[in-house]
């Protein structure tokens, strides 16, 4: 079932199927049992914090927050009735 490659002296054969059986794992490393707690969230850079506060004070949409204008547009029918 191989393919003859004229540029080579040997026959190229299909790759064998990988073994698909389940094997018991005698030892489970500690890293598989429990994970370290996630790192504490880091506040954004001060310049971004100031910008986000200024936008929030003006009622603008902030990244990661709900967009009131988009919700209003999507609530309207797409075709006049």
Protein backbone atom coordinates (compact mmCIF):
# COMPACT_ATOMS: atom_id res chain seq x y z
CA UNK A 1 0.00 0.00 0.00
CA UNK A 2 3.01 2.24 -0.32
CA UNK A 3 3.67 4.85 -2.95
CA UNK A 4 6.75 4.47 -5.09
CA UNK A 5 8.83 7.66 -5.10
CA UNK A 6 11.07 7.67 -8.19
CA UNK A 7 13.59 10.03 -6.57
CA UNK A 8 14.19 7.65 -3.66
CA UNK A 9 15.48 4.14 -3.39
CA UNK A 10 12.81 3.02 -0.96
CA UNK A 11 9.04 2.88 -0.81
CA UNK A 12 7.12 5.55 1.14
CA UNK A 13 4.51 3.85 3.33
CA UNK A 14 1.55 5.22 5.20
CA UNK A 15 2.12 6.26 8.80
CA UNK A 16 0.85 3.72 11.35
CA UNK A 17 -2.20 4.63 13.40
CA UNK A 18 -1.39 5.82 16.93
CA UNK A 19 -2.25 3.49 19.77
CA UNK A 20 -5.68 4.52 21.02
CA UNK A 21 -5.92 2.58 24.27
CA UNK A 22 -6.16 3.98 27.76
CA UNK A 23 -3.34 3.27 30.19
CA UNK A 24 -3.52 3.71 33.96
CA UNK A 25 -1.22 6.44 35.21
CA UNK A 26 0.46 5.22 38.38
CA UNK A 27 1.69 8.62 39.51
CA UNK A 28 -0.16 11.91 39.13
CA UNK A 29 2.11 14.91 39.56
CA UNK A 30 1.08 17.48 42.18
CA UNK A 31 0.64 20.06 39.42
CA UNK A 32 -2.28 18.01 38.09
CA UNK A 33 -4.08 17.88 41.45
CA UNK A 34 -4.19 21.51 42.48
CA UNK A 35 -3.25 24.80 40.98
CA UNK A 36 -1.83 27.91 42.53
CA UNK A 37 -4.31 30.69 43.30
CA UNK A 38 -4.64 33.22 40.49
CA UNK A 39 -2.54 36.35 40.84
CA UNK A 40 -4.19 39.41 42.30
CA UNK A 41 -5.67 41.70 39.64
CA UNK A 42 -3.36 44.52 38.72
CA UNK A 43 -4.87 47.97 38.31
CA UNK A 44 -4.38 49.54 34.91
CA UNK A 45 -1.72 52.14 34.36
CA UNK A 46 -2.55 55.45 36.10
CA UNK A 47 -3.03 57.27 32.79
CA UNK A 48 -5.69 54.76 31.76
CA UNK A 49 -7.43 54.97 35.14
CA UNK A 50 -7.66 58.76 34.83
CA UNK A 51 -8.96 58.48 31.27
CA UNK A 52 -11.56 55.87 32.25
CA UNK A 53 -12.74 58.02 35.16
CA UNK A 54 -13.03 61.06 32.87
CA UNK A 55 -15.04 59.07 30.31
CA UNK A 56 -17.31 57.65 33.02
CA UNK A 57 -17.93 61.17 34.38
CA UNK A 58 -19.06 62.24 30.89
CA UNK A 59 -21.31 59.18 30.49
CA UNK A 60 -19.23 57.61 27.72
CA UNK A 61 -18.93 53.90 27.06
CA UNK A 62 -15.94 52.26 28.71
CA UNK A 63 -14.08 49.21 27.42
CA UNK A 64 -15.54 46.06 28.95
CA UNK A 65 -18.73 47.82 30.04
CA UNK A 66 -22.25 47.82 28.60
CA UNK A 67 -22.88 50.03 25.57
CA UNK A 68 -26.24 51.79 26.00
CA UNK A 69 -26.24 53.26 22.49
CA UNK A 70 -25.63 49.85 20.86
CA UNK A 71 -28.41 48.28 22.94
CA UNK A 72 -30.81 51.04 21.83
CA UNK A 73 -29.90 50.55 18.16
CA UNK A 74 -30.31 46.78 18.39
CA UNK A 75 -33.68 47.10 20.17
CA UNK A 76 -35.22 48.92 17.17
CA UNK A 77 -36.75 46.88 14.34
CA UNK A 78 -34.38 46.35 11.44
CA UNK A 79 -37.03 47.07 8.80
CA UNK A 80 -39.85 49.63 9.04
CA UNK A 81 -43.24 47.98 9.38
